[in-house]
Amino acid sequence: MTKVPTAGGSMNEERWAQLHGAMDEQRGWELLRLSPIGRIAVTMAGDPEIFPVNHVVDHGTIVFRTSRGTKLAAVTLHPIVAYEADGYDAASGTAWSVVIKGRAVPVRNREELMDTLFLPLHPWHQGDKPYFVRVIPERATMREFHVTAASAPSAFAPRAPQE
């Protein structure tokens, strides 16, 4: 079993995962399939840029649509990206986050493009999004944890002034 370095020495990966809420890969992909939206982080002109996009999971990759613009230019020039999706289940009080780091590749191959056209992926925002981009994972961080009552999203909801 691999040892994970810590400030006080080292511990095995399983114990580290238990303490830090890491989830198994299958659960992470399941949550990504259920999440309709995530964020793609790209680099453009030396600056990080983050964009919300809707996506589908396809054969162990993330696919999203875009138009000609910053996202497409960024992944063409600098294909190393991060993709993040997260969520919160109020019924169970559980939050989760999946971060995929990898290479973004515009879909250009005719056969792959034909297959991609049939994915259930439709733009949420008005305007033409004729380009498909596939994020091929190289590393992933997947966490799921119970949210304490004081930190639950409802604790941050606006409240009416007391009378």
C-alpha atoms as a PDB file:
ATOM      1  CA  MET A   1       0.000   0.000   0.000  1.00  0.00           C
ATOM      2  CA  THR A   2       1.318   3.460  -0.918  1.00  0.00           C
ATOM      3  CA  LYS A   3       2.242   5.867   1.868  1.00  0.00           C
ATOM      4  CA  VAL A   4       0.998   9.446   1.666  1.00  0.00           C
ATOM      5  CA  PRO A   5       3.316  12.085   3.190  1.00  0.00           C
ATOM      6  CA  THR A   6       1.786  14.197   5.955  1.00  0.00           C
ATOM      7  CA  ALA A   7       3.105  16.799   8.394  1.00  0.00           C
ATOM      8  CA  GLY A   8       3.360  14.149  11.134  1.00  0.00           C
ATOM      9  CA  GLY A   9       4.927  11.376   9.020  1.00  0.00           C
ATOM     10  CA  SER A  10       2.964   9.250   6.576  1.00  0.00           C
ATOM     11  CA  MET A  11      -0.208   7.188   6.365  1.00  0.00           C
ATOM     12  CA  ASN A  12      -1.593   4.747   3.843  1.00  0.00           C
ATOM     13  CA  GLU A  13      -3.766   6.020   0.959  1.00  0.00           C
ATOM     14  CA  GLU A  14      -6.920   4.355   2.278  1.00  0.00           C
ATOM     15  CA  ARG A  15      -6.703   6.115   5.665  1.00  0.00           C
ATOM     16  CA  TRP A  16      -5.855   9.441   3.983  1.00  0.00           C
ATOM     17  CA  ALA A  17      -8.910   9.047   1.735  1.00  0.00           C
ATOM     18  CA  GLN A  18     -11.156   8.323   4.741  1.00  0.00           C
ATOM     19  CA  LEU A  19      -9.961  11.445   6.545  1.00  0.00           C
ATOM     20  CA  HIS A  20     -10.212  13.722   3.509  1.00  0.00           C
ATOM     21  CA  GLY A  21     -13.460  12.472   1.975  1.00  0.00           C
ATOM     22  CA  ALA A  22     -11.945  11.023  -1.186  1.00  0.00           C
ATOM     23  CA  MET A  23     -14.370   8.861  -3.165  1.00  0.00           C
ATOM     24  CA  ASP A  24     -13.748   6.036  -5.560  1.00  0.00           C
ATOM     25  CA  GLU A  25     -13.445   6.782  -9.264  1.00  0.00           C
ATOM     26  CA  GLN A  26     -16.679   5.024 -10.233  1.00  0.00           C
ATOM     27  CA  ARG A  27     -18.689   7.191  -7.805  1.00  0.00           C
ATOM     28  CA  GLY A  28     -16.991  10.335  -9.178  1.00  0.00           C
ATOM     29  CA  TRP A  29     -17.962   9.505 -12.760  1.00  0.00           C
ATOM     30  CA  GLU A  30     -21.511   8.674 -11.625  1.00  0.00           C
ATOM     31  CA  LEU A  31     -21.820  12.131 -10.050  1.00  0.00           C
ATOM     32  CA  LEU A  32     -20.409  13.796 -13.180  1.00  0.00           C
ATOM     33  CA  ARG A  33     -23.043  11.988 -15.266  1.00  0.00           C
ATOM     34  CA  LEU A  34     -25.778  13.305 -12.958  1.00  0.00           C
ATOM     35  CA  SER A  35     -24.465  16.878 -12.922  1.00  0.00           C
ATOM     36  CA  PRO A  36     -25.647  18.953 -15.875  1.00  0.00           C
ATOM     37  CA  ILE A  37     -23.073  21.728 -15.493  1.00  0.00           C
ATOM     38  CA  GLY A  38     -19.459  22.240 -14.520  1.00  0.00           C
ATOM     39  CA  ARG A  39     -16.627  24.698 -15.025  1.00  0.00           C
ATOM     40  CA  ILE A  40     -13.749  24.494 -17.472  1.00  0.00           C
ATOM     41  CA  ALA A  41     -10.530  26.221 -16.381  1.00  0.00           C
ATOM     42  CA  VAL A  42      -8.232  27.249 -19.225  1.00  0.00           C
ATOM     43  CA  THR A  43      -5.216  29.510 -19.685  1.00  0.00           C
ATOM     44  CA  MET A  44      -5.409  32.425 -22.076  1.00  0.00           C
ATOM     45  CA  ALA A  45      -2.644  35.007 -22.527  1.00  0.00           C
ATOM     46  CA  GLY A  46      -1.023  33.724 -19.331  1.00  0.00           C
ATOM     47  CA  ASP A  47      -4.145  34.245 -17.217  1.00  0.00           C
ATOM     48  CA  PRO A  48      -6.496  31.592 -15.848  1.00  0.00           C
ATOM     49  CA  GLU A  49     -10.064  31.784 -17.160  1.00  0.00           C
ATOM     50  CA  ILE A  50     -13.025  29.768 -15.849  1.00  0.00           C
ATOM     51  CA  PHE A  51     -16.255  29.237 -17.763  1.00  0.00           C
ATOM     52  CA  PRO A  52     -19.474  27.420 -16.834  1.00  0.00           C
ATOM     53  CA  VAL A  53     -20.446  24.811 -19.433  1.00  0.00           C
ATOM     54  CA  ASN A  54     -22.954  22.025 -19.654  1.00  0.00           C
ATOM     55  CA  HIS A  55     -21.429  18.649 -20.446  1.00  0.00           C
ATOM     56  CA  VAL A  56     -21.933  14.938 -20.965  1.00  0.00           C
ATOM     57  CA  VAL A  57     -19.706  12.059 -19.947  1.00  0.00           C
ATOM     58  CA  ASP A  58     -18.739   9.963 -22.963  1.00  0.00           C
ATOM     59  CA  HIS A  59     -16.436   6.929 -22.791  1.00  0.00           C
ATOM     60  CA  GLY A  60     -14.531   8.192 -19.735  1.00  0.00           C
ATOM     61  CA  THR A  61     -14.172  11.745 -21.053  1.00  0.00           C
ATOM     62  CA  ILE A  62     -16.054  15.032 -20.619  1.00  0.00           C
ATOM     63  CA  VAL A  63     -17.569  16.609 -23.747  1.00  0.00           C
ATOM     64  CA  PHE A  64     -18.928  20.146 -24.040  1.00  0.00           C
ATOM     65  CA  ARG A  65     -19.996  22.436 -26.883  1.00  0.00           C
ATOM     66  CA  THR A  66     -18.706  25.907 -27.601  1.00  0.00           C
ATOM     67  CA  SER A  67     -18.596  28.602 -30.235  1.00  0.00           C
ATOM     68  CA  ARG A  68     -15.591  30.259 -31.819  1.00  0.00           C
ATOM     69  CA  GLY A  69     -14.131  32.400 -29.045  1.00  0.00           C
ATOM     70  CA  THR A  70     -12.032  32.325 -25.887  1.00  0.00           C
ATOM     71  CA  LYS A  71     -12.714  28.723 -24.819  1.00  0.00           C
ATOM     72  CA  LEU A  72     -11.968  27.261 -28.243  1.00  0.00           C
ATOM     73  CA  ALA A  73      -8.889  29.446 -28.748  1.00  0.00           C
ATOM     74  CA  ALA A  74      -7.583  28.631 -25.269  1.00  0.00           C
ATOM     75  CA  VAL A  75      -7.888  24.841 -25.613  1.00  0.00           C
ATOM     76  CA  THR A  76      -6.351  24.990 -29.087  1.00  0.00           C
ATOM     77  CA  LEU A  77      -3.334  26.991 -27.893  1.00  0.00           C
ATOM     78  CA  HIS A  78      -3.018  25.549 -24.364  1.00  0.00           C
ATOM     79  CA  PRO A  79      -4.781  22.172 -24.175  1.00  0.00           C
ATOM     80  CA  ILE A  80      -3.966  21.419 -20.509  1.00  0.00           C
ATOM     81  CA  VAL A  81      -7.158  22.202 -18.562  1.00  0.00           C
ATOM     82  CA  ALA A  82      -9.058  21.473 -15.380  1.00  0.00           C
ATOM     83  CA  TYR A  83     -12.754  20.626 -15.293  1.00  0.00           C
ATOM     84  CA  GLU A  84     -14.768  20.815 -12.072  1.00  0.00           C
ATOM     85  CA  ALA A  85     -18.301  19.921 -11.124  1.00  0.00           C
ATOM     86  CA  ASP A  86     -19.784  19.833  -7.646  1.00  0.00           C
ATOM     87  CA  GLY A  87     -23.066  19.448  -5.879  1.00  0.00           C
ATOM     88  CA  TYR A  88     -24.943  19.297  -2.611  1.00  0.00           C
ATOM     89  CA  ASP A  89     -27.653  16.842  -1.529  1.00  0.00           C
ATOM     90  CA  ALA A  90     -29.755  18.607   1.112  1.00  0.00           C
ATOM     91  CA  ALA A  91     -31.578  15.389   2.053  1.00  0.00           C
ATOM     92  CA  SER A  92     -28.362  13.605   3.081  1.00  0.00           C
ATOM     93  CA  GLY A  93     -26.334  16.724   3.952  1.00  0.00           C
ATOM     94  CA  THR A  94     -23.601  15.534   1.597  1.00  0.00           C
ATOM     95  CA  ALA A  95     -21.475  17.727  -0.676  1.00  0.00           C
ATOM     96  CA  TRP A  96     -19.173  16.516  -3.437  1.00  0.00           C
ATOM     97  CA  SER A  97     -16.579  17.806  -5.850  1.00  0.00           C
ATOM     98  CA  VAL A  98     -14.905  16.193  -8.850  1.00  0.00           C
ATOM     99  CA  VAL A  99     -11.904  17.854 -10.511  1.00  0.00           C
ATOM    100  CA  ILE A 100     -10.535  16.382 -13.722  1.00  0.00           C
ATOM    101  CA  LYS A 101      -7.140  17.560 -14.982  1.00  0.00           C
ATOM    102  CA  GLY A 102      -6.200  16.635 -18.506  1.00  0.00           C
ATOM    103  CA  ARG A 103      -6.011  17.584 -22.138  1.00  0.00           C
ATOM    104  CA  ALA A 104      -8.829  19.333 -24.022  1.00  0.00           C
ATOM    105  CA  VAL A 105      -9.057  18.324 -27.659  1.00  0.00           C
ATOM    106  CA  PRO A 106     -11.438  19.952 -30.167  1.00  0.00           C
ATOM    107  CA  VAL A 107     -13.312  17.168 -31.977  1.00  0.00           C
ATOM    108  CA  ARG A 108     -12.244  17.315 -35.632  1.00  0.00           C
ATOM    109  CA  ASN A 109     -12.168  13.708 -36.845  1.00  0.00           C
ATOM    110  CA  ARG A 110     -15.185  13.115 -39.085  1.00  0.00           C
ATOM    111  CA  GLU A 111     -16.219   9.778 -37.519  1.00  0.00           C
ATOM    112  CA  GLU A 112     -15.845  11.069 -33.979  1.00  0.00           C
ATOM    113  CA  LEU A 113     -17.712  14.239 -34.887  1.00  0.00           C
ATOM    114  CA  MET A 114     -20.612  12.201 -36.291  1.00  0.00           C
ATOM    115  CA  ASP A 115     -20.759  10.155 -33.054  1.00  0.00           C
ATOM    116  CA  THR A 116     -20.547  13.315 -30.941  1.00  0.00           C
ATOM    117  CA  LEU A 117     -23.472  14.920 -32.778  1.00  0.00           C
ATOM    118  CA  PHE A 118     -25.754  12.223 -31.337  1.00  0.00           C
ATOM    119  CA  LEU A 119     -24.766  12.850 -27.708  1.00  0.00           C
ATOM    120  CA  PRO A 120     -27.529  14.385 -25.542  1.00  0.00           C
ATOM    121  CA  LEU A 121     -25.664  17.687 -25.400  1.00  0.00           C
ATOM    122  CA  HIS A 122     -27.547  20.841 -26.304  1.00  0.00           C
ATOM    123  CA  PRO A 123     -26.485  24.453 -25.647  1.00  0.00           C
ATOM    124  CA  TRP A 124     -28.208  26.088 -22.697  1.00  0.00           C
ATOM    125  CA  HIS A 125     -27.569  29.544 -23.988  1.00  0.00           C
ATOM    126  CA  GLN A 126     -28.836  31.095 -27.158  1.00  0.00           C
ATOM    127  CA  GLY A 127     -26.466  31.155 -30.051  1.00  0.00           C
ATOM    128  CA  ASP A 128     -24.680  28.684 -32.250  1.00  0.00           C
ATOM    129  CA  LYS A 129     -22.282  26.247 -30.501  1.00  0.00           C
ATOM    130  CA  PRO A 130     -21.023  24.177 -33.428  1.00  0.00           C
ATOM    131  CA  TYR A 131     -17.724  23.028 -31.866  1.00  0.00           C
ATOM    132  CA  PHE A 132     -17.309  20.027 -29.564  1.00  0.00           C
ATOM    133  CA  VAL A 133     -14.405  19.762 -27.123  1.00  0.00           C
ATOM    134  CA  ARG A 134     -13.412  16.524 -25.382  1.00  0.00           C
ATOM    135  CA  VAL A 135     -11.508  16.625 -22.077  1.00  0.00           C
ATOM    136  CA  ILE A 136      -9.320  13.522 -21.797  1.00  0.00           C
ATOM    137  CA  PRO A 137      -8.516  12.920 -18.112  1.00  0.00           C
ATOM    138  CA  GLU A 138      -4.971  12.457 -16.884  1.00  0.00           C
ATOM    139  CA  ARG A 139      -5.639  12.966 -13.149  1.00  0.00           C
ATOM    140  CA  ALA A 140      -8.740  13.282 -11.004  1.00  0.00           C
ATOM    141  CA  THR A 141      -9.591  14.429  -7.495  1.00  0.00           C
ATOM    142  CA  MET A 142     -12.938  13.226  -6.227  1.00  0.00           C
ATOM    143  CA  ARG A 143     -14.278  14.128  -2.789  1.00  0.00           C
ATOM    144  CA  GLU A 144     -17.564  13.596  -0.988  1.00  0.00           C
ATOM    145  CA  PHE A 145     -18.216  14.699   2.586  1.00  0.00           C
ATOM    146  CA  HIS A 146     -20.923  15.400   5.124  1.00  0.00           C
ATOM    147  CA  VAL A 147     -21.606  19.117   5.623  1.00  0.00           C
ATOM    148  CA  THR A 148     -21.910  20.305   9.208  1.00  0.00           C
ATOM    149  CA  ALA A 149     -25.247  21.912  10.094  1.00  0.00           C
ATOM    150  CA  ALA A 150     -23.703  25.372  10.550  1.00  0.00           C
ATOM    151  CA  SER A 151     -22.093  25.200   7.076  1.00  0.00           C
ATOM    152  CA  ALA A 152     -25.093  23.857   5.170  1.00  0.00           C
ATOM    153  CA  PRO A 153     -26.184  26.073   2.245  1.00  0.00           C
ATOM    154  CA  SER A 154     -29.420  27.026   4.037  1.00  0.00           C
ATOM    155  CA  ALA A 155     -27.277  28.688   6.726  1.00  0.00           C
ATOM    156  CA  PHE A 156     -26.206  31.238   4.086  1.00  0.00           C
ATOM    157  CA  ALA A 157     -29.685  31.998   2.783  1.00  0.00           C
ATOM    158  CA  PRO A 158     -30.806  35.626   3.120  1.00  0.00           C
ATOM    159  CA  ARG A 159     -33.028  36.172   6.125  1.00  0.00           C
ATOM    160  CA  ALA A 160     -35.691  38.722   6.825  1.00  0.00           C
ATOM    161  CA  PRO A 161     -34.871  41.219   9.576  1.00  0.00           C
ATOM    162  CA  GLN A 162     -36.309  40.363  12.962  1.00  0.00           C
ATOM    163  CA  GLU A 163     -39.304  42.422  14.027  1.00  0.00           C
END
